[in-house]
Amino acid sequence: QVTLVESGGGSVQAGGSLTLSCTASGTIFRLIAIGWYRQAPGNQRELVAQITSGQSTNYADSVKGRFTISKGDALNTVYLQMNSLKPEDTSVYYCNARGYTSLVDVFDSWGEGAQVTVSS
């Protein structure tokens, strides 16, 4: 079982910054990708940013140039630096990690979510 622990959500005014962190723990044989999704009420969950084991990154078009995802020094930790926040960034942000717990067993785990609220 792989558990994700998130921290760093909160409230900020438009133009402000927040940093989210996520640490994956448990039996991780190989991590494929780790990143952040968000889901606002009435909307589908969408990818925000993701980093792969090969260190490549993917961003939603709406956050490019404002958000930066990076791996931490600690094993299986990822950060999402969010700058120039907009009211439309208000959402619950979920950490997601995918990989293998053994040579053949896969995992796809989600965190509990962190609320980010941006006021105008």
PDB file of N, CA and C in Angstrom:
ATOM      1  N   GLN A   1       0.847  -1.190   0.000  1.00  0.00           N
ATOM      2  CA  GLN A   1       0.000   0.000   0.000  1.00  0.00           C
ATOM      3  C   GLN A   1       0.885   1.243   0.000  1.00  0.00           C
ATOM      4  N   VAL A   2       0.529   2.194  -0.824  1.00  0.00           N
ATOM      5  CA  VAL A   2       1.271   3.446  -0.914  1.00  0.00           C
ATOM      6  C   VAL A   2       0.376   4.564  -0.398  1.00  0.00           C
ATOM      7  N   THR A   3       0.883   5.326   0.537  1.00  0.00           N
ATOM      8  CA  THR A   3       0.136   6.423   1.150  1.00  0.00           C
ATOM      9  C   THR A   3       0.753   7.748   0.756  1.00  0.00           C
ATOM     10  N   LEU A   4      -0.107   8.710   0.451  1.00  0.00           N
ATOM     11  CA  LEU A   4       0.353  10.055   0.095  1.00  0.00           C
ATOM     12  C   LEU A   4      -0.090  11.032   1.170  1.00  0.00           C
ATOM     13  N   VAL A   5       0.843  11.828   1.652  1.00  0.00           N
ATOM     14  CA  VAL A   5       0.546  12.838   2.661  1.00  0.00           C
ATOM     15  C   VAL A   5       0.812  14.207   2.050  1.00  0.00           C
ATOM     16  N   GLU A   6      -0.214  15.048   2.048  1.00  0.00           N
ATOM     17  CA  GLU A   6      -0.141  16.383   1.447  1.00  0.00           C
ATOM     18  C   GLU A   6      -0.100  17.447   2.529  1.00  0.00           C
ATOM     19  N   SER A   7       0.492  18.569   2.186  1.00  0.00           N
ATOM     20  CA  SER A   7       0.448  19.728   3.079  1.00  0.00           C
ATOM     21  C   SER A   7       0.613  20.994   2.255  1.00  0.00           C
ATOM     22  N   GLY A   8       0.219  22.119   2.860  1.00  0.00           N
ATOM     23  CA  GLY A   8       0.501  23.408   2.242  1.00  0.00           C
ATOM     24  C   GLY A   8      -0.678  24.137   1.651  1.00  0.00           C
ATOM     25  N   GLY A   9      -1.874  23.600   1.699  1.00  0.00           N
ATOM     26  CA  GLY A   9      -3.010  24.333   1.175  1.00  0.00           C
ATOM     27  C   GLY A   9      -3.327  25.538   2.039  1.00  0.00           C
ATOM     28  N   GLY A  10      -4.280  26.352   1.593  1.00  0.00           N
ATOM     29  CA  GLY A  10      -4.668  27.512   2.374  1.00  0.00           C
ATOM     30  C   GLY A  10      -5.383  28.538   1.538  1.00  0.00           C
ATOM     31  N   SER A  11      -5.486  29.738   2.102  1.00  0.00           N
ATOM     32  CA  SER A  11      -6.173  30.835   1.436  1.00  0.00           C
ATOM     33  C   SER A  11      -5.187  31.950   1.145  1.00  0.00           C
ATOM     34  N   VAL A  12      -5.349  32.567   0.004  1.00  0.00           N
ATOM     35  CA  VAL A  12      -4.447  33.642  -0.402  1.00  0.00           C
ATOM     36  C   VAL A  12      -5.211  34.593  -1.318  1.00  0.00           C
ATOM     37  N   GLN A  13      -4.758  35.812  -1.391  1.00  0.00           N
ATOM     38  CA  GLN A  13      -5.365  36.764  -2.315  1.00  0.00           C
ATOM     39  C   GLN A  13      -4.793  36.562  -3.718  1.00  0.00           C
ATOM     40  N   ALA A  14      -5.550  36.999  -4.699  1.00  0.00           N
ATOM     41  CA  ALA A  14      -5.100  36.903  -6.086  1.00  0.00           C
ATOM     42  C   ALA A  14      -3.729  37.564  -6.242  1.00  0.00           C
ATOM     43  N   GLY A  15      -2.874  36.875  -6.981  1.00  0.00           N
ATOM     44  CA  GLY A  15      -1.509  37.357  -7.166  1.00  0.00           C
ATOM     45  C   GLY A  15      -0.525  36.778  -6.169  1.00  0.00           C
ATOM     46  N   GLY A  16      -1.052  36.127  -5.155  1.00  0.00           N
ATOM     47  CA  GLY A  16      -0.198  35.553  -4.129  1.00  0.00           C
ATOM     48  C   GLY A  16       0.357  34.198  -4.520  1.00  0.00           C
ATOM     49  N   SER A  17       1.067  33.579  -3.566  1.00  0.00           N
ATOM     50  CA  SER A  17       1.734  32.301  -3.812  1.00  0.00           C
ATOM     51  C   SER A  17       1.439  31.308  -2.695  1.00  0.00           C
ATOM     52  N   LEU A  18       1.452  30.057  -3.062  1.00  0.00           N
ATOM     53  CA  LEU A  18       1.355  28.958  -2.116  1.00  0.00           C
ATOM     54  C   LEU A  18       2.234  27.822  -2.615  1.00  0.00           C
ATOM     55  N   THR A  19       2.685  26.992  -1.680  1.00  0.00           N
ATOM     56  CA  THR A  19       3.446  25.805  -2.050  1.00  0.00           C
ATOM     57  C   THR A  19       2.782  24.582  -1.442  1.00  0.00           C
ATOM     58  N   LEU A  20       2.518  23.597  -2.283  1.00  0.00           N
ATOM     59  CA  LEU A  20       1.994  22.318  -1.833  1.00  0.00           C
ATOM     60  C   LEU A  20       3.124  21.300  -1.819  1.00  0.00           C
ATOM     61  N   SER A  21       3.072  20.388  -0.865  1.00  0.00           N
ATOM     62  CA  SER A  21       4.042  19.292  -0.837  1.00  0.00           C
ATOM     63  C   SER A  21       3.307  17.973  -0.691  1.00  0.00           C
ATOM     64  N   CYS A  22       3.925  16.933  -1.186  1.00  0.00           N
ATOM     65  CA  CYS A  22       3.347  15.595  -1.126  1.00  0.00           C
ATOM     66  C   CYS A  22       4.480  14.597  -0.958  1.00  0.00           C
ATOM     67  N   THR A  23       4.316  13.695  -0.009  1.00  0.00           N
ATOM     68  CA  THR A  23       5.298  12.648   0.213  1.00  0.00           C
ATOM     69  C   THR A  23       4.622  11.292   0.106  1.00  0.00           C
ATOM     70  N   ALA A  24       5.176  10.440  -0.724  1.00  0.00           N
ATOM     71  CA  ALA A  24       4.670   9.083  -0.896  1.00  0.00           C
ATOM     72  C   ALA A  24       5.472   8.138  -0.016  1.00  0.00           C
ATOM     73  N   SER A  25       4.765   7.291   0.713  1.00  0.00           N
ATOM     74  CA  SER A  25       5.442   6.319   1.571  1.00  0.00           C
ATOM     75  C   SER A  25       4.785   4.951   1.411  1.00  0.00           C
ATOM     76  N   GLY A  26       5.527   3.921   1.797  1.00  0.00           N
ATOM     77  CA  GLY A  26       5.040   2.552   1.636  1.00  0.00           C
ATOM     78  C   GLY A  26       5.999   1.760   0.769  1.00  0.00           C
ATOM     79  N   THR A  27       5.501   0.679   0.238  1.00  0.00           N
ATOM     80  CA  THR A  27       6.329  -0.193  -0.589  1.00  0.00           C
ATOM     81  C   THR A  27       6.326   0.320  -2.026  1.00  0.00           C
ATOM     82  N   ILE A  28       7.373   1.030  -2.380  1.00  0.00           N
ATOM     83  CA  ILE A  28       7.489   1.575  -3.733  1.00  0.00           C
ATOM     84  C   ILE A  28       8.710   0.952  -4.388  1.00  0.00           C
ATOM     85  N   PHE A  29       8.470   0.082  -5.341  1.00  0.00           N
ATOM     86  CA  PHE A  29       9.565  -0.552  -6.086  1.00  0.00           C
ATOM     87  C   PHE A  29      10.083   0.399  -7.151  1.00  0.00           C
ATOM     88  N   ARG A  30       9.153   1.015  -7.862  1.00  0.00           N
ATOM     89  CA  ARG A  30       9.533   1.984  -8.891  1.00  0.00           C
ATOM     90  C   ARG A  30       8.413   2.988  -9.060  1.00  0.00           C
ATOM     91  N   LEU A  31       8.755   4.250  -9.002  1.00  0.00           N
ATOM     92  CA  LEU A  31       7.782   5.315  -9.192  1.00  0.00           C
ATOM     93  C   LEU A  31       7.778   5.718 -10.658  1.00  0.00           C
ATOM     94  N   ILE A  32       6.607   5.755 -11.272  1.00  0.00           N
ATOM     95  CA  ILE A  32       6.490   6.155 -12.675  1.00  0.00           C
ATOM     96  C   ILE A  32       6.280   7.657 -12.779  1.00  0.00           C
ATOM     97  N   ALA A  33       5.340   8.167 -11.992  1.00  0.00           N
ATOM     98  CA  ALA A  33       5.029   9.588 -12.040  1.00  0.00           C
ATOM     99  C   ALA A  33       4.369  10.005 -10.736  1.00  0.00           C
ATOM    100  N   ILE A  34       4.579  11.260 -10.385  1.00  0.00           N
ATOM    101  CA  ILE A  34       3.925  11.829  -9.201  1.00  0.00           C
ATOM    102  C   ILE A  34       3.563  13.258  -9.534  1.00  0.00           C
ATOM    103  N   GLY A  35       2.399  13.682  -9.079  1.00  0.00           N
ATOM    104  CA  GLY A  35       1.988  15.032  -9.429  1.00  0.00           C
ATOM    105  C   GLY A  35       0.711  15.441  -8.747  1.00  0.00           C
ATOM    106  N   TRP A  36       0.093  16.489  -9.307  1.00  0.00           N
ATOM    107  CA  TRP A  36      -1.064  17.110  -8.706  1.00  0.00           C
ATOM    108  C   TRP A  36      -2.207  17.224  -9.700  1.00  0.00           C
ATOM    109  N   TYR A  37      -3.383  16.915  -9.223  1.00  0.00           N
ATOM    110  CA  TYR A  37      -4.626  17.147  -9.935  1.00  0.00           C
ATOM    111  C   TYR A  37      -5.466  18.103  -9.090  1.00  0.00           C
ATOM    112  N   ARG A  38      -6.488  18.682  -9.693  1.00  0.00           N
ATOM    113  CA  ARG A  38      -7.413  19.509  -8.924  1.00  0.00           C
ATOM    114  C   ARG A  38      -8.836  19.281  -9.405  1.00  0.00           C
ATOM    115  N   GLN A  39      -9.750  19.517  -8.489  1.00  0.00           N
ATOM    116  CA  GLN A  39     -11.156  19.339  -8.801  1.00  0.00           C
ATOM    117  C   GLN A  39     -11.961  20.391  -8.064  1.00  0.00           C
ATOM    118  N   ALA A  40     -12.611  21.245  -8.813  1.00  0.00           N
ATOM    119  CA  ALA A  40     -13.505  22.248  -8.255  1.00  0.00           C
ATOM    120  C   ALA A  40     -14.924  21.690  -8.255  1.00  0.00           C
ATOM    121  N   PRO A  41     -15.804  22.193  -7.397  1.00  0.00           N
ATOM    122  CA  PRO A  41     -17.178  21.681  -7.343  1.00  0.00           C
ATOM    123  C   PRO A  41     -17.846  21.743  -8.704  1.00  0.00           C
ATOM    124  N   GLY A  42     -18.428  20.614  -9.103  1.00  0.00           N
ATOM    125  CA  GLY A  42     -19.128  20.548 -10.375  1.00  0.00           C
ATOM    126  C   GLY A  42     -18.244  20.294 -11.570  1.00  0.00           C
ATOM    127  N   ASN A  43     -16.932  20.236 -11.330  1.00  0.00           N
ATOM    128  CA  ASN A  43     -15.985  20.018 -12.435  1.00  0.00           C
ATOM    129  C   ASN A  43     -15.331  18.647 -12.330  1.00  0.00           C
ATOM    130  N   GLN A  44     -14.788  18.193 -13.451  1.00  0.00           N
ATOM    131  CA  GLN A  44     -14.030  16.954 -13.435  1.00  0.00           C
ATOM    132  C   GLN A  44     -12.635  17.210 -12.872  1.00  0.00           C
ATOM    133  N   ARG A  45     -12.048  16.150 -12.343  1.00  0.00           N
ATOM    134  CA  ARG A  45     -10.671  16.260 -11.854  1.00  0.00           C
ATOM    135  C   ARG A  45      -9.746  16.434 -13.057  1.00  0.00           C
ATOM    136  N   GLU A  46      -8.824  17.391 -12.948  1.00  0.00           N
ATOM    137  CA  GLU A  46      -7.929  17.671 -14.062  1.00  0.00           C
ATOM    138  C   GLU A  46      -6.475  17.665 -13.609  1.00  0.00           C
ATOM    139  N   LEU A  47      -5.609  17.302 -14.528  1.00  0.00           N
ATOM    140  CA  LEU A  47      -4.181  17.325 -14.241  1.00  0.00           C
ATOM    141  C   LEU A  47      -3.706  18.765 -14.127  1.00  0.00           C
ATOM    142  N   VAL A  48      -2.936  19.045 -13.093  1.00  0.00           N
ATOM    143  CA  VAL A  48      -2.315  20.358 -12.929  1.00  0.00           C
ATOM    144  C   VAL A  48      -0.855  20.285 -13.355  1.00  0.00           C
ATOM    145  N   ALA A  49      -0.113  19.378 -12.756  1.00  0.00           N
ATOM    146  CA  ALA A  49       1.307  19.225 -13.071  1.00  0.00           C
ATOM    147  C   ALA A  49       1.765  17.854 -12.628  1.00  0.00           C
ATOM    148  N   GLN A  50       2.741  17.330 -13.370  1.00  0.00           N
ATOM    149  CA  GLN A  50       3.207  15.987 -13.104  1.00  0.00           C
ATOM    150  C   GLN A  50       4.689  15.912 -13.446  1.00  0.00           C
ATOM    151  N   ILE A  51       5.414  15.096 -12.671  1.00  0.00           N
ATOM    152  CA  ILE A  51       6.822  14.859 -12.971  1.00  0.00           C
ATOM    153  C   ILE A  51       7.041  13.357 -13.011  1.00  0.00           C
ATOM    154  N   THR A  52       7.782  12.914 -13.993  1.00  0.00           N
ATOM    155  CA  THR A  52       7.990  11.484 -14.168  1.00  0.00           C
ATOM    156  C   THR A  52       9.320  11.048 -13.554  1.00  0.00           C
ATOM    157  N   SER A  53       9.531   9.743 -13.544  1.00  0.00           N
ATOM    158  CA  SER A  53      10.782   9.214 -13.013  1.00  0.00           C
ATOM    159  C   SER A  53      11.967   9.664 -13.853  1.00  0.00           C
ATOM    160  N   GLY A  54      11.693   9.987 -15.100  1.00  0.00           N
ATOM    161  CA  GLY A  54      12.742  10.495 -15.972  1.00  0.00           C
ATOM    162  C   GLY A  54      12.927  11.993 -15.864  1.00  0.00           C
ATOM    163  N   GLN A  55      12.224  12.594 -14.892  1.00  0.00           N
ATOM    164  CA  GLN A  55      12.335  14.038 -14.605  1.00  0.00           C
ATOM    165  C   GLN A  55      11.672  14.925 -15.651  1.00  0.00           C
ATOM    166  N   SER A  56      10.870  14.352 -16.543  1.00  0.00           N
ATOM    167  CA  SER A  56      10.120  15.209 -17.454  1.00  0.00           C
ATOM    168  C   SER A  56       8.874  15.722 -16.742  1.00  0.00           C
ATOM    169  N   THR A  57       8.422  16.899 -17.151  1.00  0.00           N
ATOM    170  CA  THR A  57       7.281  17.529 -16.495  1.00  0.00           C
ATOM    171  C   THR A  57       6.165  17.814 -17.488  1.00  0.00           C
ATOM    172  N   ASN A  58       4.942  17.774 -16.998  1.00  0.00           N
ATOM    173  CA  ASN A  58       3.764  18.125 -17.777  1.00  0.00           C
ATOM    174  C   ASN A  58       2.932  19.116 -16.968  1.00  0.00           C
ATOM    175  N   TYR A  59       2.409  20.126 -17.635  1.00  0.00           N
ATOM    176  CA  TYR A  59       1.586  21.133 -16.975  1.00  0.00           C
ATOM    177  C   TYR A  59       0.301  21.361 -17.760  1.00  0.00           C
ATOM    178  N   ALA A  60      -0.760  21.665 -17.032  1.00  0.00           N
ATOM    179  CA  ALA A  60      -1.970  22.140 -17.683  1.00  0.00           C
ATOM    180  C   ALA A  60      -1.665  23.494 -18.312  1.00  0.00           C
ATOM    181  N   ASP A  61      -2.275  23.754 -19.466  1.00  0.00           N
ATOM    182  CA  ASP A  61      -2.031  25.026 -20.144  1.00  0.00           C
ATOM    183  C   ASP A  61      -2.365  26.209 -19.244  1.00  0.00           C
ATOM    184  N   SER A  62      -3.368  26.051 -18.403  1.00  0.00           N
ATOM    185  CA  SER A  62      -3.839  27.157 -17.568  1.00  0.00           C
ATOM    186  C   SER A  62      -2.853  27.560 -16.477  1.00  0.00           C
ATOM    187  N   VAL A  63      -1.861  26.695 -16.191  1.00  0.00           N
ATOM    188  CA  VAL A  63      -0.924  27.009 -15.109  1.00  0.00           C
ATOM    189  C   VAL A  63       0.514  27.192 -15.599  1.00  0.00           C
ATOM    190  N   LYS A  64       0.738  26.962 -16.888  1.00  0.00           N
ATOM    191  CA  LYS A  64       2.098  27.105 -17.424  1.00  0.00           C
ATOM    192  C   LYS A  64       2.612  28.515 -17.194  1.00  0.00           C
ATOM    193  N   GLY A  65       3.858  28.590 -16.727  1.00  0.00           N
ATOM    194  CA  GLY A  65       4.464  29.880 -16.444  1.00  0.00           C
ATOM    195  C   GLY A  65       4.166  30.407 -15.059  1.00  0.00           C
ATOM    196  N   ARG A  66       3.204  29.813 -14.358  1.00  0.00           N
ATOM    197  CA  ARG A  66       2.852  30.255 -13.006  1.00  0.00           C
ATOM    198  C   ARG A  66       3.164  29.189 -11.951  1.00  0.00           C
ATOM    199  N   PHE A  67       2.987  27.929 -12.299  1.00  0.00           N
ATOM    200  CA  PHE A  67       3.211  26.832 -11.356  1.00  0.00           C
ATOM    201  C   PHE A  67       4.477  26.084 -11.754  1.00  0.00           C
ATOM    202  N   THR A  68       5.199  25.578 -10.740  1.00  0.00           N
ATOM    203  CA  THR A  68       6.396  24.780 -10.981  1.00  0.00           C
ATOM    204  C   THR A  68       6.369  23.558 -10.087  1.00  0.00           C
ATOM    205  N   ILE A  69       6.533  22.394 -10.693  1.00  0.00           N
ATOM    206  CA  ILE A  69       6.600  21.158  -9.935  1.00  0.00           C
ATOM    207  C   ILE A  69       8.057  20.723  -9.849  1.00  0.00           C
ATOM    208  N   SER A  70       8.447  20.209  -8.683  1.00  0.00           N
ATOM    209  CA  SER A  70       9.834  19.792  -8.508  1.00  0.00           C
ATOM    210  C   SER A  70       9.904  18.653  -7.503  1.00  0.00           C
ATOM    211  N   LYS A  71      10.944  17.847  -7.639  1.00  0.00           N
ATOM    212  CA  LYS A  71      11.178  16.755  -6.696  1.00  0.00           C
ATOM    213  C   LYS A  71      11.989  17.292  -5.525  1.00  0.00           C
ATOM    214  N   GLY A  72      11.679  16.805  -4.339  1.00  0.00           N
ATOM    215  CA  GLY A  72      12.420  17.212  -3.160  1.00  0.00           C
ATOM    216  C   GLY A  72      13.636  16.335  -2.941  1.00  0.00           C
ATOM    217  N   ASP A  73      14.454  16.722  -1.987  1.00  0.00           N
ATOM    218  CA  ASP A  73      15.621  15.928  -1.640  1.00  0.00           C
ATOM    219  C   ASP A  73      15.209  14.601  -1.013  1.00  0.00           C
ATOM    220  N   ALA A  74      14.100  14.642  -0.272  1.00  0.00           N
ATOM    221  CA  ALA A  74      13.610  13.415   0.351  1.00  0.00           C
ATOM    222  C   ALA A  74      13.026  12.504  -0.714  1.00  0.00           C
ATOM    223  N   LEU A  75      13.199  11.241  -0.534  1.00  0.00           N
ATOM    224  CA  LEU A  75      12.715  10.257  -1.497  1.00  0.00           C
ATOM    225  C   LEU A  75      11.215  10.373  -1.670  1.00  0.00           C
ATOM    226  N   ASN A  76      10.786  10.404  -2.884  1.00  0.00           N
ATOM    227  CA  ASN A  76       9.362  10.382  -3.228  1.00  0.00           C
ATOM    228  C   ASN A  76       8.590  11.579  -2.681  1.00  0.00           C
ATOM    229  N   THR A  77       9.220  12.724  -2.647  1.00  0.00           N
ATOM    230  CA  THR A  77       8.551  13.966  -2.252  1.00  0.00           C
ATOM    231  C   THR A  77       8.512  14.905  -3.435  1.00  0.00           C
ATOM    232  N   VAL A  78       7.376  15.557  -3.597  1.00  0.00           N
ATOM    233  CA  VAL A  78       7.225  16.490  -4.705  1.00  0.00           C
ATOM    234  C   VAL A  78       6.595  17.776  -4.188  1.00  0.00           C
ATOM    235  N   TYR A  79       6.995  18.891  -4.787  1.00  0.00           N
ATOM    236  CA  TYR A  79       6.471  20.202  -4.418  1.00  0.00           C
ATOM    237  C   TYR A  79       5.790  20.828  -5.626  1.00  0.00           C
ATOM    238  N   LEU A  80       4.767  21.627  -5.343  1.00  0.00           N
ATOM    239  CA  LEU A  80       4.122  22.430  -6.375  1.00  0.00           C
ATOM    240  C   LEU A  80       4.149  23.878  -5.910  1.00  0.00           C
ATOM    241  N   GLN A  81       5.011  24.661  -6.535  1.00  0.00           N
ATOM    242  CA  GLN A  81       5.094  26.087  -6.246  1.00  0.00           C
ATOM    243  C   GLN A  81       4.081  26.801  -7.131  1.00  0.00           C
ATOM    244  N   MET A  82       3.143  27.492  -6.512  1.00  0.00           N
ATOM    245  CA  MET A  82       2.072  28.158  -7.248  1.00  0.00           C
ATOM    246  C   MET A  82       2.210  29.663  -7.060  1.00  0.00           C
ATOM    247  N   ASN A  83       2.523  30.358  -8.137  1.00  0.00           N
ATOM    248  CA  ASN A  83       2.675  31.809  -8.116  1.00  0.00           C
ATOM    249  C   ASN A  83       1.582  32.473  -8.943  1.00  0.00           C
ATOM    250  N   SER A  84       1.426  33.751  -8.736  1.00  0.00           N
ATOM    251  CA  SER A  84       0.430  34.535  -9.489  1.00  0.00           C
ATOM    252  C   SER A  84      -0.928  33.837  -9.486  1.00  0.00           C
ATOM    253  N   LEU A  85      -1.346  33.441  -8.320  1.00  0.00           N
ATOM    254  CA  LEU A  85      -2.593  32.685  -8.209  1.00  0.00           C
ATOM    255  C   LEU A  85      -3.789  33.539  -8.610  1.00  0.00           C
ATOM    256  N   LYS A  86      -4.758  32.860  -9.216  1.00  0.00           N
ATOM    257  CA  LYS A  86      -5.982  33.505  -9.689  1.00  0.00           C
ATOM    258  C   LYS A  86      -7.189  32.875  -8.986  1.00  0.00           C
ATOM    259  N   PRO A  87      -8.288  33.604  -8.906  1.00  0.00           N
ATOM    260  CA  PRO A  87      -9.485  33.015  -8.288  1.00  0.00           C
ATOM    261  C   PRO A  87      -9.896  31.690  -8.928  1.00  0.00           C
ATOM    262  N   GLU A  88      -9.656  31.548 -10.234  1.00  0.00           N
ATOM    263  CA  GLU A  88     -10.030  30.304 -10.904  1.00  0.00           C
ATOM    264  C   GLU A  88      -9.122  29.133 -10.543  1.00  0.00           C
ATOM    265  N   ASP A  89      -8.057  29.381  -9.791  1.00  0.00           N
ATOM    266  CA  ASP A  89      -7.230  28.293  -9.280  1.00  0.00           C
ATOM    267  C   ASP A  89      -7.829  27.678  -8.013  1.00  0.00           C
ATOM    268  N   THR A  90      -8.875  28.307  -7.492  1.00  0.00           N
ATOM    269  CA  THR A  90      -9.520  27.777  -6.302  1.00  0.00           C
ATOM    270  C   THR A  90     -10.041  26.370  -6.566  1.00  0.00           C
ATOM    271  N   SER A  91      -9.624  25.433  -5.732  1.00  0.00           N
ATOM    272  CA  SER A  91      -9.989  24.041  -5.946  1.00  0.00           C
ATOM    273  C   SER A  91      -9.440  23.184  -4.813  1.00  0.00           C
ATOM    274  N   VAL A  92      -9.825  21.923  -4.812  1.00  0.00           N
ATOM    275  CA  VAL A  92      -9.147  20.943  -3.969  1.00  0.00           C
ATOM    276  C   VAL A  92      -8.056  20.300  -4.820  1.00  0.00           C
ATOM    277  N   TYR A  93      -6.845  20.328  -4.318  1.00  0.00           N
ATOM    278  CA  TYR A  93      -5.703  19.784  -5.042  1.00  0.00           C
ATOM    279  C   TYR A  93      -5.354  18.415  -4.463  1.00  0.00           C
ATOM    280  N   TYR A  94      -5.259  17.431  -5.345  1.00  0.00           N
ATOM    281  CA  TYR A  94      -4.988  16.058  -4.949  1.00  0.00           C
ATOM    282  C   TYR A  94      -3.628  15.614  -5.482  1.00  0.00           C
ATOM    283  N   CYS A  95      -2.835  15.041  -4.613  1.00  0.00           N
ATOM    284  CA  CYS A  95      -1.587  14.428  -5.041  1.00  0.00           C
ATOM    285  C   CYS A  95      -1.876  13.031  -5.583  1.00  0.00           C
ATOM    286  N   ASN A  96      -1.189  12.677  -6.655  1.00  0.00           N
ATOM    287  CA  ASN A  96      -1.339  11.351  -7.252  1.00  0.00           C
ATOM    288  C   ASN A  96       0.036  10.765  -7.534  1.00  0.00           C
ATOM    289  N   ALA A  97       0.190   9.479  -7.257  1.00  0.00           N
ATOM    290  CA  ALA A  97       1.436   8.783  -7.575  1.00  0.00           C
ATOM    291  C   ALA A  97       1.107   7.439  -8.206  1.00  0.00           C
ATOM    292  N   ARG A  98       1.854   7.106  -9.243  1.00  0.00           N
ATOM    293  CA  ARG A  98       1.677   5.835  -9.953  1.00  0.00           C
ATOM    294  C   ARG A  98       3.017   5.126 -10.075  1.00  0.00           C
ATOM    295  N   GLY A  99       2.973   3.818  -9.974  1.00  0.00           N
ATOM    296  CA  GLY A  99       4.216   3.076 -10.111  1.00  0.00           C
ATOM    297  C   GLY A  99       4.016   1.607  -9.821  1.00  0.00           C
ATOM    298  N   TYR A 100       5.073   0.998  -9.346  1.00  0.00           N
ATOM    299  CA  TYR A 100       5.063  -0.437  -9.056  1.00  0.00           C
ATOM    300  C   TYR A 100       5.468  -0.675  -7.610  1.00  0.00           C
ATOM    301  N   THR A 101       4.774  -1.631  -6.966  1.00  0.00           N
ATOM    302  CA  THR A 101       5.176  -2.070  -5.634  1.00  0.00           C
ATOM    303  C   THR A 101       6.055  -3.316  -5.709  1.00  0.00           C
ATOM    304  N   SER A 102       6.148  -3.897  -6.887  1.00  0.00           N
ATOM    305  CA  SER A 102       7.027  -5.040  -7.141  1.00  0.00           C
ATOM    306  C   SER A 102       7.295  -5.065  -8.645  1.00  0.00           C
ATOM    307  N   LEU A 103       7.897  -6.111  -9.133  1.00  0.00           N
ATOM    308  CA  LEU A 103       8.134  -6.203 -10.580  1.00  0.00           C
ATOM    309  C   LEU A 103       6.841  -6.223 -11.386  1.00  0.00           C
ATOM    310  N   VAL A 104       5.767  -6.697 -10.786  1.00  0.00           N
ATOM    311  CA  VAL A 104       4.522  -6.864 -11.550  1.00  0.00           C
ATOM    312  C   VAL A 104       3.316  -6.151 -10.961  1.00  0.00           C
ATOM    313  N   ASP A 105       3.375  -5.720  -9.706  1.00  0.00           N
ATOM    314  CA  ASP A 105       2.204  -5.127  -9.057  1.00  0.00           C
ATOM    315  C   ASP A 105       2.249  -3.610  -9.166  1.00  0.00           C
ATOM    316  N   VAL A 106       1.175  -3.043  -9.700  1.00  0.00           N
ATOM    317  CA  VAL A 106       1.116  -1.602  -9.906  1.00  0.00           C
ATOM    318  C   VAL A 106       0.337  -0.940  -8.777  1.00  0.00           C
ATOM    319  N   PHE A 107       0.550   0.335  -8.599  1.00  0.00           N
ATOM    320  CA  PHE A 107      -0.253   1.137  -7.693  1.00  0.00           C
ATOM    321  C   PHE A 107      -0.602   2.464  -8.355  1.00  0.00           C
ATOM    322  N   ASP A 108      -1.727   3.009  -7.934  1.00  0.00           N
ATOM    323  CA  ASP A 108      -2.198   4.321  -8.400  1.00  0.00           C
ATOM    324  C   ASP A 108      -2.894   4.937  -7.193  1.00  0.00           C
ATOM    325  N   SER A 109      -2.168   5.753  -6.452  1.00  0.00           N
ATOM    326  CA  SER A 109      -2.643   6.251  -5.157  1.00  0.00           C
ATOM    327  C   SER A 109      -2.955   7.733  -5.194  1.00  0.00           C
ATOM    328  N   TRP A 110      -3.906   8.107  -4.333  1.00  0.00           N
ATOM    329  CA  TRP A 110      -4.335   9.502  -4.222  1.00  0.00           C
ATOM    330  C   TRP A 110      -4.235   9.973  -2.787  1.00  0.00           C
ATOM    331  N   GLY A 111      -3.897  11.224  -2.628  1.00  0.00           N
ATOM    332  CA  GLY A 111      -3.944  11.852  -1.321  1.00  0.00           C
ATOM    333  C   GLY A 111      -5.360  12.276  -0.984  1.00  0.00           C
ATOM    334  N   GLU A 112      -5.534  12.803   0.223  1.00  0.00           N
ATOM    335  CA  GLU A 112      -6.877  13.183   0.681  1.00  0.00           C
ATOM    336  C   GLU A 112      -7.317  14.526   0.123  1.00  0.00           C
ATOM    337  N   GLY A 113      -6.400  15.304  -0.366  1.00  0.00           N
ATOM    338  CA  GLY A 113      -6.749  16.587  -0.951  1.00  0.00           C
ATOM    339  C   GLY A 113      -6.390  17.759  -0.054  1.00  0.00           C
ATOM    340  N   ALA A 114      -6.018  18.843  -0.673  1.00  0.00           N
ATOM    341  CA  ALA A 114      -5.680  20.077   0.044  1.00  0.00           C
ATOM    342  C   ALA A 114      -6.452  21.233  -0.587  1.00  0.00           C
ATOM    343  N   GLN A 115      -7.188  21.963   0.227  1.00  0.00           N
ATOM    344  CA  GLN A 115      -7.992  23.074  -0.293  1.00  0.00           C
ATOM    345  C   GLN A 115      -7.103  24.286  -0.563  1.00  0.00           C
ATOM    346  N   VAL A 116      -7.242  24.827  -1.744  1.00  0.00           N
ATOM    347  CA  VAL A 116      -6.593  26.086  -2.114  1.00  0.00           C
ATOM    348  C   VAL A 116      -7.699  27.069  -2.494  1.00  0.00           C
ATOM    349  N   THR A 117      -7.724  28.198  -1.803  1.00  0.00           N
ATOM    350  CA  THR A 117      -8.733  29.218  -2.052  1.00  0.00           C
ATOM    351  C   THR A 117      -8.049  30.534  -2.384  1.00  0.00           C
ATOM    352  N   VAL A 118      -8.397  31.088  -3.534  1.00  0.00           N
ATOM    353  CA  VAL A 118      -7.812  32.351  -3.983  1.00  0.00           C
ATOM    354  C   VAL A 118      -8.930  33.380  -4.080  1.00  0.00           C
ATOM    355  N   SER A 119      -8.799  34.442  -3.322  1.00  0.00           N
ATOM    356  CA  SER A 119      -9.834  35.481  -3.312  1.00  0.00           C
ATOM    357  C   SER A 119      -9.409  36.647  -4.197  1.00  0.00           C
ATOM    358  N   SER A 120     -10.406  37.284  -4.784  1.00  0.00           N
ATOM    359  CA  SER A 120     -10.118  38.410  -5.697  1.00  0.00           C
ATOM    360  C   SER A 120     -10.009  39.721  -4.951  1.00  0.00           C
TER     361      SER A 120
END
